[in-house]
Amino acid sequence: MALILLGLILWTWPHVMKEYTPGLRAGMSEGTAKGGIAVAAVLAIVLMVLGYRSAEFVHVYAPPAWGQHLNNLLMLFSVALFGAAKGTSHLRAWVRHPMFAGTILWGLSHLLVRGDAASILLFGGMILWAVAGWVVTNRRQPAPAPIVPSVKKDVILIVVTLVVYAVIVLIHGLVGPSPLPM
């Protein structure tokens, strides 16, 4: 579980360094900062995955029987929110921080089906990161930029969401517990 914690720290720090360590970020060029953040994010994901897969199972709670079905539905919305983050769909116009909202839904949906300590640390840690990021971003930029939504972008978002969701289900079925009910 130490690798999960290290991965969470490595994930969180670059995402909030602009707010909490501005002098360090100010000393870097934009390209260097983005490159460093990208490397840290990939390394953080690798550490979290390795830590999660190698963690000893410590039972904390029994997930509800209906959790898998709600998980699958929430994950569909989570994928849509991730997709909406950079677009001009109506979903993007309605949700100020779709990436953070998608991460929160992702974490909550997984906690509906996984009741072990490693899951609570990983998914709960990512939920905390998203909530903190939401607060920090709102403090840094109180007024959102206006978005003019487009029906064409809505259709594109729906198609991309369904394709990405199907790919996630297929990959998840190959490398992890199957998200589909047995």
N, C-alpha and C. Protein backbone atom coordinates (compact mmCIF):
# COMPACT_ATOMS: atom_id res chain seq x y z
N MET A 1 0.82 -1.20 0.00
CA MET A 1 0.00 0.00 0.00
C MET A 1 0.87 1.26 0.00
N ALA A 2 2.13 1.08 0.34
CA ALA A 2 3.04 2.23 0.32
C ALA A 2 3.18 2.77 -1.11
N LEU A 3 3.18 1.87 -2.10
CA LEU A 3 3.29 2.33 -3.49
C LEU A 3 2.06 3.12 -3.90
N ILE A 4 0.88 2.71 -3.42
CA ILE A 4 -0.34 3.47 -3.73
C ILE A 4 -0.21 4.87 -3.15
N LEU A 5 0.20 4.96 -1.90
CA LEU A 5 0.34 6.26 -1.24
C LEU A 5 1.39 7.12 -1.94
N LEU A 6 2.51 6.53 -2.30
CA LEU A 6 3.55 7.27 -3.02
C LEU A 6 3.01 7.75 -4.37
N GLY A 7 2.26 6.89 -5.07
CA GLY A 7 1.67 7.27 -6.34
C GLY A 7 0.67 8.42 -6.19
N LEU A 8 -0.14 8.36 -5.13
CA LEU A 8 -1.10 9.44 -4.87
C LEU A 8 -0.39 10.77 -4.61
N ILE A 9 0.68 10.71 -3.83
CA ILE A 9 1.45 11.93 -3.54
C ILE A 9 2.08 12.47 -4.84
N LEU A 10 2.66 11.57 -5.62
CA LEU A 10 3.30 11.98 -6.87
C LEU A 10 2.26 12.51 -7.87
N TRP A 11 1.05 12.01 -7.82
CA TRP A 11 -0.04 12.50 -8.67
C TRP A 11 -0.50 13.89 -8.22
N THR A 12 -0.66 14.04 -6.92
CA THR A 12 -1.24 15.27 -6.37
C THR A 12 -0.31 16.46 -6.46
N TRP A 13 0.93 16.29 -6.07
CA TRP A 13 1.84 17.43 -5.97
C TRP A 13 1.99 18.21 -7.28
N PRO A 14 2.28 17.57 -8.42
CA PRO A 14 2.41 18.38 -9.64
C PRO A 14 1.13 19.11 -10.02
N HIS A 15 -0.01 18.53 -9.66
CA HIS A 15 -1.28 19.16 -10.02
C HIS A 15 -1.60 20.38 -9.16
N VAL A 16 -0.99 20.48 -8.00
CA VAL A 16 -1.26 21.63 -7.13
C VAL A 16 -0.03 22.50 -6.91
N MET A 17 1.08 22.17 -7.56
CA MET A 17 2.32 22.92 -7.31
C MET A 17 2.20 24.39 -7.73
N LYS A 18 1.41 24.67 -8.75
CA LYS A 18 1.25 26.05 -9.19
C LYS A 18 0.64 26.89 -8.07
N GLU A 19 -0.27 26.28 -7.32
CA GLU A 19 -0.96 26.98 -6.24
C GLU A 19 -0.12 27.04 -4.95
N TYR A 20 0.52 25.91 -4.61
CA TYR A 20 1.18 25.82 -3.30
C TYR A 20 2.69 26.01 -3.34
N THR A 21 3.33 25.83 -4.49
CA THR A 21 4.77 26.10 -4.62
C THR A 21 5.01 26.90 -5.90
N PRO A 22 4.46 28.13 -5.95
CA PRO A 22 4.54 28.91 -7.18
C PRO A 22 5.97 29.27 -7.57
N GLY A 23 6.85 29.41 -6.61
CA GLY A 23 8.22 29.77 -6.93
C GLY A 23 8.92 28.67 -7.72
N LEU A 24 8.66 27.43 -7.36
CA LEU A 24 9.27 26.31 -8.07
C LEU A 24 8.75 26.23 -9.50
N ARG A 25 7.46 26.36 -9.66
CA ARG A 25 6.86 26.28 -11.01
C ARG A 25 7.28 27.50 -11.83
N ALA A 26 7.39 28.67 -11.19
CA ALA A 26 7.74 29.90 -11.91
C ALA A 26 9.16 29.81 -12.48
N GLY A 27 10.02 29.02 -11.86
CA GLY A 27 11.39 28.88 -12.34
C GLY A 27 11.52 27.98 -13.56
N MET A 28 10.41 27.37 -13.99
CA MET A 28 10.44 26.45 -15.13
C MET A 28 9.77 27.10 -16.34
N SER A 29 10.25 26.70 -17.51
CA SER A 29 9.54 27.12 -18.72
C SER A 29 8.24 26.34 -18.79
N GLU A 30 7.31 26.80 -19.62
CA GLU A 30 6.02 26.11 -19.73
C GLU A 30 6.21 24.68 -20.23
N GLY A 31 7.09 24.50 -21.20
CA GLY A 31 7.35 23.16 -21.74
C GLY A 31 7.97 22.23 -20.70
N THR A 32 8.91 22.75 -19.93
CA THR A 32 9.55 21.95 -18.88
C THR A 32 8.53 21.57 -17.81
N ALA A 33 7.70 22.53 -17.42
CA ALA A 33 6.69 22.25 -16.40
C ALA A 33 5.70 21.20 -16.89
N LYS A 34 5.19 21.34 -18.10
CA LYS A 34 4.24 20.36 -18.65
C LYS A 34 4.88 18.99 -18.82
N GLY A 35 6.12 18.97 -19.29
CA GLY A 35 6.84 17.70 -19.44
C GLY A 35 7.06 17.02 -18.10
N GLY A 36 7.46 17.80 -17.11
CA GLY A 36 7.67 17.24 -15.77
C GLY A 36 6.38 16.71 -15.16
N ILE A 37 5.31 17.44 -15.37
CA ILE A 37 4.00 17.01 -14.85
C ILE A 37 3.56 15.72 -15.55
N ALA A 38 3.78 15.64 -16.86
CA ALA A 38 3.40 14.43 -17.60
C ALA A 38 4.20 13.22 -17.12
N VAL A 39 5.49 13.38 -16.93
CA VAL A 39 6.32 12.28 -16.45
C VAL A 39 5.89 11.86 -15.04
N ALA A 40 5.65 12.84 -14.19
CA ALA A 40 5.20 12.54 -12.82
C ALA A 40 3.85 11.83 -12.83
N ALA A 41 2.94 12.25 -13.71
CA ALA A 41 1.62 11.62 -13.78
C ALA A 41 1.72 10.17 -14.23
N VAL A 42 2.52 9.90 -15.25
CA VAL A 42 2.69 8.53 -15.73
C VAL A 42 3.33 7.67 -14.64
N LEU A 43 4.37 8.18 -14.01
CA LEU A 43 5.02 7.43 -12.93
C LEU A 43 4.05 7.20 -11.77
N ALA A 44 3.24 8.20 -11.45
CA ALA A 44 2.26 8.07 -10.37
C ALA A 44 1.25 6.97 -10.70
N ILE A 45 0.77 6.94 -11.94
CA ILE A 45 -0.20 5.91 -12.34
C ILE A 45 0.44 4.53 -12.25
N VAL A 46 1.67 4.41 -12.71
CA VAL A 46 2.37 3.12 -12.64
C VAL A 46 2.50 2.68 -11.18
N LEU A 47 2.91 3.59 -10.30
CA LEU A 47 3.04 3.25 -8.88
C LEU A 47 1.70 2.85 -8.27
N MET A 48 0.63 3.58 -8.60
CA MET A 48 -0.68 3.25 -8.04
C MET A 48 -1.17 1.89 -8.54
N VAL A 49 -0.97 1.61 -9.82
CA VAL A 49 -1.40 0.31 -10.36
C VAL A 49 -0.59 -0.82 -9.75
N LEU A 50 0.73 -0.68 -9.72
CA LEU A 50 1.56 -1.72 -9.12
C LEU A 50 1.24 -1.91 -7.64
N GLY A 51 1.06 -0.81 -6.94
CA GLY A 51 0.72 -0.89 -5.52
C GLY A 51 -0.62 -1.53 -5.28
N TYR A 52 -1.59 -1.20 -6.12
CA TYR A 52 -2.94 -1.76 -5.96
C TYR A 52 -2.94 -3.25 -6.26
N ARG A 53 -2.26 -3.63 -7.34
CA ARG A 53 -2.25 -5.05 -7.74
C ARG A 53 -1.47 -5.91 -6.75
N SER A 54 -0.49 -5.33 -6.06
CA SER A 54 0.32 -6.12 -5.13
C SER A 54 -0.14 -6.01 -3.68
N ALA A 55 -1.12 -5.17 -3.42
CA ALA A 55 -1.58 -4.96 -2.03
C ALA A 55 -2.29 -6.21 -1.51
N GLU A 56 -2.04 -6.49 -0.27
CA GLU A 56 -2.73 -7.59 0.40
C GLU A 56 -4.19 -7.20 0.58
N PHE A 57 -5.09 -8.17 0.38
CA PHE A 57 -6.52 -7.89 0.52
C PHE A 57 -6.86 -7.79 2.01
N VAL A 58 -7.32 -6.62 2.42
CA VAL A 58 -7.76 -6.40 3.80
C VAL A 58 -9.23 -5.97 3.72
N HIS A 59 -10.11 -6.88 4.13
CA HIS A 59 -11.55 -6.61 4.05
C HIS A 59 -11.93 -5.49 5.02
N VAL A 60 -12.68 -4.51 4.54
CA VAL A 60 -13.16 -3.41 5.37
C VAL A 60 -14.69 -3.42 5.41
N TYR A 61 -15.34 -3.57 4.26
CA TYR A 61 -16.79 -3.63 4.21
C TYR A 61 -17.22 -4.47 3.02
N ALA A 62 -18.45 -4.96 3.08
CA ALA A 62 -19.02 -5.74 1.98
C ALA A 62 -19.79 -4.80 1.06
N PRO A 63 -19.38 -4.70 -0.19
CA PRO A 63 -20.11 -3.83 -1.13
C PRO A 63 -21.53 -4.35 -1.34
N PRO A 64 -22.47 -3.46 -1.61
CA PRO A 64 -23.84 -3.90 -1.82
C PRO A 64 -23.97 -4.71 -3.12
N ALA A 65 -24.92 -5.62 -3.15
CA ALA A 65 -25.12 -6.46 -4.33
C ALA A 65 -25.46 -5.62 -5.57
N TRP A 66 -26.19 -4.53 -5.39
CA TRP A 66 -26.58 -3.68 -6.51
C TRP A 66 -25.46 -2.73 -6.94
N GLY A 67 -24.35 -2.74 -6.21
CA GLY A 67 -23.25 -1.80 -6.48
C GLY A 67 -22.66 -1.94 -7.87
N GLN A 68 -22.60 -3.18 -8.39
CA GLN A 68 -21.99 -3.37 -9.71
C GLN A 68 -22.81 -2.69 -10.80
N HIS A 69 -24.12 -2.77 -10.69
CA HIS A 69 -24.97 -2.14 -11.70
C HIS A 69 -24.85 -0.61 -11.65
N LEU A 70 -24.87 -0.06 -10.44
CA LEU A 70 -24.72 1.39 -10.31
C LEU A 70 -23.32 1.82 -10.72
N ASN A 71 -22.33 1.00 -10.42
CA ASN A 71 -20.96 1.28 -10.85
C ASN A 71 -20.90 1.45 -12.35
N ASN A 72 -21.49 0.52 -13.08
CA ASN A 72 -21.44 0.58 -14.55
C ASN A 72 -22.13 1.83 -15.08
N LEU A 73 -23.23 2.20 -14.49
CA LEU A 73 -23.93 3.42 -14.92
C LEU A 73 -23.11 4.66 -14.60
N LEU A 74 -22.59 4.74 -13.37
CA LEU A 74 -21.79 5.90 -12.98
C LEU A 74 -20.53 6.01 -13.83
N MET A 75 -19.95 4.87 -14.20
CA MET A 75 -18.74 4.91 -15.04
C MET A 75 -19.05 5.46 -16.43
N LEU A 76 -20.24 5.18 -16.94
CA LEU A 76 -20.63 5.75 -18.23
C LEU A 76 -20.64 7.28 -18.14
N PHE A 77 -21.22 7.80 -17.06
CA PHE A 77 -21.24 9.25 -16.85
C PHE A 77 -19.83 9.79 -16.60
N SER A 78 -19.02 9.02 -15.87
CA SER A 78 -17.65 9.45 -15.61
C SER A 78 -16.87 9.60 -16.91
N VAL A 79 -16.99 8.62 -17.79
CA VAL A 79 -16.30 8.69 -19.09
C VAL A 79 -16.80 9.89 -19.88
N ALA A 80 -18.11 10.14 -19.84
CA ALA A 80 -18.66 11.31 -20.55
C ALA A 80 -18.09 12.60 -19.98
N LEU A 81 -17.97 12.68 -18.67
CA LEU A 81 -17.42 13.89 -18.06
C LEU A 81 -15.96 14.10 -18.46
N PHE A 82 -15.17 13.02 -18.47
CA PHE A 82 -13.79 13.15 -18.93
C PHE A 82 -13.74 13.65 -20.36
N GLY A 83 -14.62 13.11 -21.21
CA GLY A 83 -14.66 13.53 -22.60
C GLY A 83 -15.11 14.97 -22.77
N ALA A 84 -15.97 15.43 -21.87
CA ALA A 84 -16.50 16.79 -21.96
C ALA A 84 -15.50 17.85 -21.51
N ALA A 85 -14.43 17.44 -20.87
CA ALA A 85 -13.51 18.39 -20.25
C ALA A 85 -12.95 19.42 -21.22
N LYS A 86 -12.67 19.04 -22.44
CA LYS A 86 -12.05 19.96 -23.39
C LYS A 86 -12.97 20.41 -24.51
N GLY A 87 -14.21 19.92 -24.51
CA GLY A 87 -15.11 20.23 -25.62
C GLY A 87 -16.06 21.38 -25.32
N THR A 88 -17.03 21.53 -26.22
CA THR A 88 -18.04 22.57 -26.05
C THR A 88 -19.44 21.96 -26.11
N SER A 89 -19.60 20.82 -25.46
CA SER A 89 -20.91 20.18 -25.40
C SER A 89 -21.76 20.86 -24.33
N HIS A 90 -23.04 20.51 -24.31
CA HIS A 90 -23.92 21.03 -23.27
C HIS A 90 -23.47 20.53 -21.89
N LEU A 91 -22.95 19.30 -21.83
CA LEU A 91 -22.46 18.78 -20.56
C LEU A 91 -21.33 19.65 -20.03
N ARG A 92 -20.44 20.07 -20.89
CA ARG A 92 -19.33 20.95 -20.49
C ARG A 92 -19.86 22.30 -20.00
N ALA A 93 -20.93 22.78 -20.61
CA ALA A 93 -21.51 24.06 -20.18
C ALA A 93 -22.20 23.93 -18.82
N TRP A 94 -22.73 22.75 -18.50
CA TRP A 94 -23.46 22.55 -17.24
C TRP A 94 -22.53 22.23 -16.07
N VAL A 95 -21.39 21.59 -16.35
CA VAL A 95 -20.49 21.15 -15.28
C VAL A 95 -19.20 21.95 -15.40
N ARG A 96 -18.90 22.72 -14.38
CA ARG A 96 -17.74 23.62 -14.45
C ARG A 96 -16.43 22.86 -14.53
N HIS A 97 -16.30 21.81 -13.75
CA HIS A 97 -15.05 21.04 -13.71
C HIS A 97 -15.33 19.58 -14.04
N PRO A 98 -15.56 19.26 -15.30
CA PRO A 98 -15.93 17.89 -15.65
C PRO A 98 -14.85 16.86 -15.34
N MET A 99 -13.58 17.22 -15.42
CA MET A 99 -12.52 16.25 -15.11
C MET A 99 -12.54 15.88 -13.63
N PHE A 100 -12.69 16.87 -12.78
CA PHE A 100 -12.79 16.59 -11.34
C PHE A 100 -14.07 15.82 -11.02
N ALA A 101 -15.18 16.23 -11.62
CA ALA A 101 -16.45 15.53 -11.39
C ALA A 101 -16.37 14.09 -11.88
N GLY A 102 -15.74 13.87 -13.02
CA GLY A 102 -15.55 12.52 -13.54
C GLY A 102 -14.69 11.67 -12.63
N THR A 103 -13.64 12.26 -12.06
CA THR A 103 -12.78 11.53 -11.13
C THR A 103 -13.55 11.17 -9.87
N ILE A 104 -14.35 12.08 -9.36
CA ILE A 104 -15.15 11.80 -8.16
C ILE A 104 -16.13 10.66 -8.44
N LEU A 105 -16.82 10.71 -9.58
CA LEU A 105 -17.74 9.63 -9.94
C LEU A 105 -17.00 8.31 -10.12
N TRP A 106 -15.84 8.34 -10.76
CA TRP A 106 -15.01 7.16 -10.95
C TRP A 106 -14.66 6.53 -9.60
N GLY A 107 -14.19 7.36 -8.67
CA GLY A 107 -13.82 6.84 -7.36
C GLY A 107 -15.00 6.29 -6.59
N LEU A 108 -16.11 7.04 -6.57
CA LEU A 108 -17.30 6.58 -5.85
C LEU A 108 -17.84 5.29 -6.44
N SER A 109 -17.86 5.21 -7.76
CA SER A 109 -18.40 4.00 -8.40
C SER A 109 -17.56 2.77 -8.06
N HIS A 110 -16.25 2.94 -7.99
CA HIS A 110 -15.39 1.81 -7.65
C HIS A 110 -15.52 1.42 -6.18
N LEU A 111 -15.79 2.39 -5.33
CA LEU A 111 -15.99 2.06 -3.91
C LEU A 111 -17.32 1.32 -3.69
N LEU A 112 -18.21 1.37 -4.66
CA LEU A 112 -19.45 0.59 -4.59
C LEU A 112 -19.21 -0.89 -4.82
N VAL A 113 -18.09 -1.24 -5.44
CA VAL A 113 -17.83 -2.65 -5.77
C VAL A 113 -16.58 -3.20 -5.11
N ARG A 114 -15.80 -2.37 -4.47
CA ARG A 114 -14.56 -2.83 -3.83
C ARG A 114 -14.55 -2.35 -2.38
N GLY A 115 -14.50 -3.27 -1.45
CA GLY A 115 -14.56 -2.91 -0.04
C GLY A 115 -13.29 -3.23 0.72
N ASP A 116 -12.15 -3.18 0.06
CA ASP A 116 -10.88 -3.50 0.73
C ASP A 116 -10.08 -2.22 1.01
N ALA A 117 -9.09 -2.35 1.87
CA ALA A 117 -8.31 -1.19 2.31
C ALA A 117 -7.57 -0.53 1.14
N ALA A 118 -6.98 -1.32 0.24
CA ALA A 118 -6.24 -0.74 -0.89
C ALA A 118 -7.18 0.08 -1.78
N SER A 119 -8.41 -0.41 -1.99
CA SER A 119 -9.38 0.33 -2.81
C SER A 119 -9.79 1.63 -2.14
N ILE A 120 -9.98 1.57 -0.84
CA ILE A 120 -10.35 2.79 -0.11
C ILE A 120 -9.23 3.82 -0.22
N LEU A 121 -7.98 3.36 -0.08
CA LEU A 121 -6.85 4.28 -0.18
C LEU A 121 -6.75 4.86 -1.60
N LEU A 122 -6.79 4.00 -2.61
CA LEU A 122 -6.63 4.47 -3.98
C LEU A 122 -7.79 5.34 -4.44
N PHE A 123 -9.00 4.80 -4.39
CA PHE A 123 -10.15 5.54 -4.91
C PHE A 123 -10.53 6.71 -4.01
N GLY A 124 -10.43 6.51 -2.71
CA GLY A 124 -10.69 7.61 -1.78
C GLY A 124 -9.66 8.72 -1.92
N GLY A 125 -8.40 8.33 -2.15
CA GLY A 125 -7.34 9.32 -2.36
C GLY A 125 -7.56 10.14 -3.61
N MET A 126 -8.01 9.48 -4.68
CA MET A 126 -8.28 10.21 -5.92
C MET A 126 -9.50 11.12 -5.77
N ILE A 127 -10.49 10.68 -4.99
CA ILE A 127 -11.66 11.54 -4.72
C ILE A 127 -11.20 12.78 -3.96
N LEU A 128 -10.37 12.60 -2.95
CA LEU A 128 -9.86 13.74 -2.18
C LEU A 128 -9.05 14.68 -3.08
N TRP A 129 -8.24 14.12 -3.97
CA TRP A 129 -7.48 14.95 -4.89
C TRP A 129 -8.42 15.79 -5.76
N ALA A 130 -9.48 15.16 -6.29
CA ALA A 130 -10.41 15.87 -7.17
C ALA A 130 -11.15 16.97 -6.43
N VAL A 131 -11.56 16.70 -5.20
CA VAL A 131 -12.26 17.73 -4.41
C VAL A 131 -11.30 18.89 -4.13
N ALA A 132 -10.07 18.57 -3.73
CA ALA A 132 -9.08 19.62 -3.45
C ALA A 132 -8.76 20.41 -4.73
N GLY A 133 -8.64 19.71 -5.85
CA GLY A 133 -8.38 20.39 -7.12
C GLY A 133 -9.51 21.31 -7.51
N TRP A 134 -10.73 20.89 -7.25
CA TRP A 134 -11.91 21.70 -7.55
C TRP A 134 -11.86 23.00 -6.74
N VAL A 135 -11.55 22.86 -5.45
CA VAL A 135 -11.48 24.03 -4.56
C VAL A 135 -10.35 24.97 -4.98
N VAL A 136 -9.17 24.40 -5.25
CA VAL A 136 -8.02 25.22 -5.65
C VAL A 136 -8.30 25.94 -6.96
N THR A 137 -8.88 25.24 -7.92
CA THR A 137 -9.18 25.85 -9.21
C THR A 137 -10.21 26.96 -9.07
N ASN A 138 -11.22 26.75 -8.26
CA ASN A 138 -12.22 27.80 -8.05
C ASN A 138 -11.61 29.02 -7.38
N ARG A 139 -10.65 28.80 -6.49
CA ARG A 139 -10.00 29.92 -5.82
C ARG A 139 -9.11 30.69 -6.81
N ARG A 140 -8.44 29.95 -7.69
CA ARG A 140 -7.55 30.57 -8.66
C ARG A 140 -8.32 31.29 -9.76
N GLN A 141 -9.46 30.72 -10.16
CA GLN A 141 -10.24 31.28 -11.26
C GLN A 141 -11.73 31.26 -10.87
N PRO A 142 -12.18 32.28 -10.11
CA PRO A 142 -13.55 32.26 -9.60
C PRO A 142 -14.64 32.31 -10.66
N ALA A 143 -14.41 32.97 -11.77
CA ALA A 143 -15.45 33.09 -12.80
C ALA A 143 -15.07 32.22 -14.00
N PRO A 144 -15.91 31.26 -14.33
CA PRO A 144 -15.57 30.41 -15.49
C PRO A 144 -15.73 31.15 -16.80
N ALA A 145 -14.97 30.72 -17.78
CA ALA A 145 -15.11 31.29 -19.12
C ALA A 145 -16.43 30.80 -19.72
N PRO A 146 -17.14 31.66 -20.41
CA PRO A 146 -18.42 31.23 -20.99
C PRO A 146 -18.19 30.19 -22.09
N ILE A 147 -19.13 29.26 -22.18
CA ILE A 147 -19.06 28.20 -23.19
C ILE A 147 -20.33 28.25 -24.03
N VAL A 148 -20.16 28.21 -25.33
CA VAL A 148 -21.31 28.16 -26.23
C VAL A 148 -21.45 26.70 -26.69
N PRO A 149 -22.42 25.99 -26.11
CA PRO A 149 -22.55 24.57 -26.43
C PRO A 149 -23.06 24.32 -27.85
N SER A 150 -22.76 23.13 -28.34
CA SER A 150 -23.13 22.76 -29.70
C SER A 150 -23.75 21.36 -29.70
N VAL A 151 -24.85 21.19 -30.41
CA VAL A 151 -25.50 19.88 -30.53
C VAL A 151 -24.56 18.91 -31.25
N LYS A 152 -23.84 19.40 -32.24
CA LYS A 152 -22.87 18.55 -32.95
C LYS A 152 -21.84 18.00 -31.98
N LYS A 153 -21.35 18.84 -31.07
CA LYS A 153 -20.38 18.38 -30.07
C LYS A 153 -21.02 17.40 -29.09
N ASP A 154 -22.33 17.56 -28.81
CA ASP A 154 -23.05 16.61 -27.96
C ASP A 154 -23.06 15.22 -28.60
N VAL A 155 -23.36 15.17 -29.89
CA VAL A 155 -23.40 13.89 -30.60
C VAL A 155 -22.01 13.25 -30.62
N ILE A 156 -21.00 14.05 -30.89
CA ILE A 156 -19.63 13.53 -30.89
C ILE A 156 -19.27 13.00 -29.50
N LEU A 157 -19.63 13.74 -28.47
CA LEU A 157 -19.34 13.30 -27.11
C LEU A 157 -20.03 11.97 -26.79
N ILE A 158 -21.27 11.81 -27.21
CA ILE A 158 -22.00 10.56 -26.95
C ILE A 158 -21.33 9.39 -27.65
N VAL A 159 -20.98 9.56 -28.91
CA VAL A 159 -20.34 8.48 -29.67
C VAL A 159 -18.98 8.13 -29.06
N VAL A 160 -18.17 9.13 -28.78
CA VAL A 160 -16.85 8.89 -28.20
C VAL A 160 -16.98 8.23 -26.82
N THR A 161 -17.94 8.69 -26.03
CA THR A 161 -18.16 8.10 -24.71
C THR A 161 -18.49 6.62 -24.82
N LEU A 162 -19.39 6.27 -25.71
CA LEU A 162 -19.78 4.86 -25.85
C LEU A 162 -18.61 3.99 -26.33
N VAL A 163 -17.83 4.51 -27.27
CA VAL A 163 -16.67 3.75 -27.76
C VAL A 163 -15.63 3.58 -26.67
N VAL A 164 -15.29 4.66 -25.99
CA VAL A 164 -14.28 4.59 -24.93
C VAL A 164 -14.77 3.70 -23.79
N TYR A 165 -16.04 3.80 -23.44
CA TYR A 165 -16.60 2.96 -22.38
C TYR A 165 -16.49 1.48 -22.77
N ALA A 166 -16.81 1.13 -24.02
CA ALA A 166 -16.70 -0.25 -24.47
C ALA A 166 -15.26 -0.75 -24.40
N VAL A 167 -14.32 0.09 -24.80
CA VAL A 167 -12.90 -0.28 -24.73
C VAL A 167 -12.47 -0.49 -23.28
N ILE A 168 -12.91 0.39 -22.38
CA ILE A 168 -12.58 0.24 -20.96
C ILE A 168 -13.13 -1.07 -20.41
N VAL A 169 -14.38 -1.40 -20.76
CA VAL A 169 -14.98 -2.65 -20.29
C VAL A 169 -14.19 -3.85 -20.81
N LEU A 170 -13.81 -3.83 -22.09
CA LEU A 170 -13.04 -4.94 -22.67
C LEU A 170 -11.68 -5.09 -22.00
N ILE A 171 -10.97 -3.98 -21.85
CA ILE A 171 -9.64 -4.03 -21.23
C ILE A 171 -9.76 -4.44 -19.77
N HIS A 172 -10.73 -3.88 -19.07
CA HIS A 172 -10.93 -4.21 -17.66
C HIS A 172 -11.21 -5.70 -17.50
N GLY A 173 -11.99 -6.27 -18.40
CA GLY A 173 -12.28 -7.69 -18.36
C GLY A 173 -11.05 -8.55 -18.57
N LEU A 174 -10.06 -8.03 -19.30
CA LEU A 174 -8.83 -8.78 -19.56
C LEU A 174 -7.83 -8.68 -18.42
N VAL A 175 -7.71 -7.51 -17.81
CA VAL A 175 -6.64 -7.29 -16.82
C VAL A 175 -7.13 -7.17 -15.38
N GLY A 176 -8.40 -7.06 -15.17
CA GLY A 176 -8.88 -6.89 -13.81
C GLY A 176 -10.18 -7.64 -13.62
N PRO A 177 -10.85 -7.39 -12.55
CA PRO A 177 -12.15 -8.03 -12.39
C PRO A 177 -13.11 -7.52 -13.45
N SER A 178 -13.90 -8.43 -13.99
CA SER A 178 -14.83 -8.06 -15.04
C SER A 178 -15.90 -7.11 -14.50
N PRO A 179 -16.14 -6.00 -15.21
CA PRO A 179 -17.17 -5.07 -14.76
C PRO A 179 -18.58 -5.55 -15.09
N LEU A 180 -18.68 -6.61 -15.87
CA LEU A 180 -19.98 -7.11 -16.29
C LEU A 180 -20.53 -8.10 -15.26
N PRO A 181 -21.82 -8.03 -14.97
CA PRO A 181 -22.40 -8.98 -14.02
C PRO A 181 -22.31 -10.40 -14.57
N MET A 182 -22.06 -11.32 -13.69
CA MET A 182 -21.96 -12.73 -14.10
C MET A 182 -23.32 -13.36 -14.13
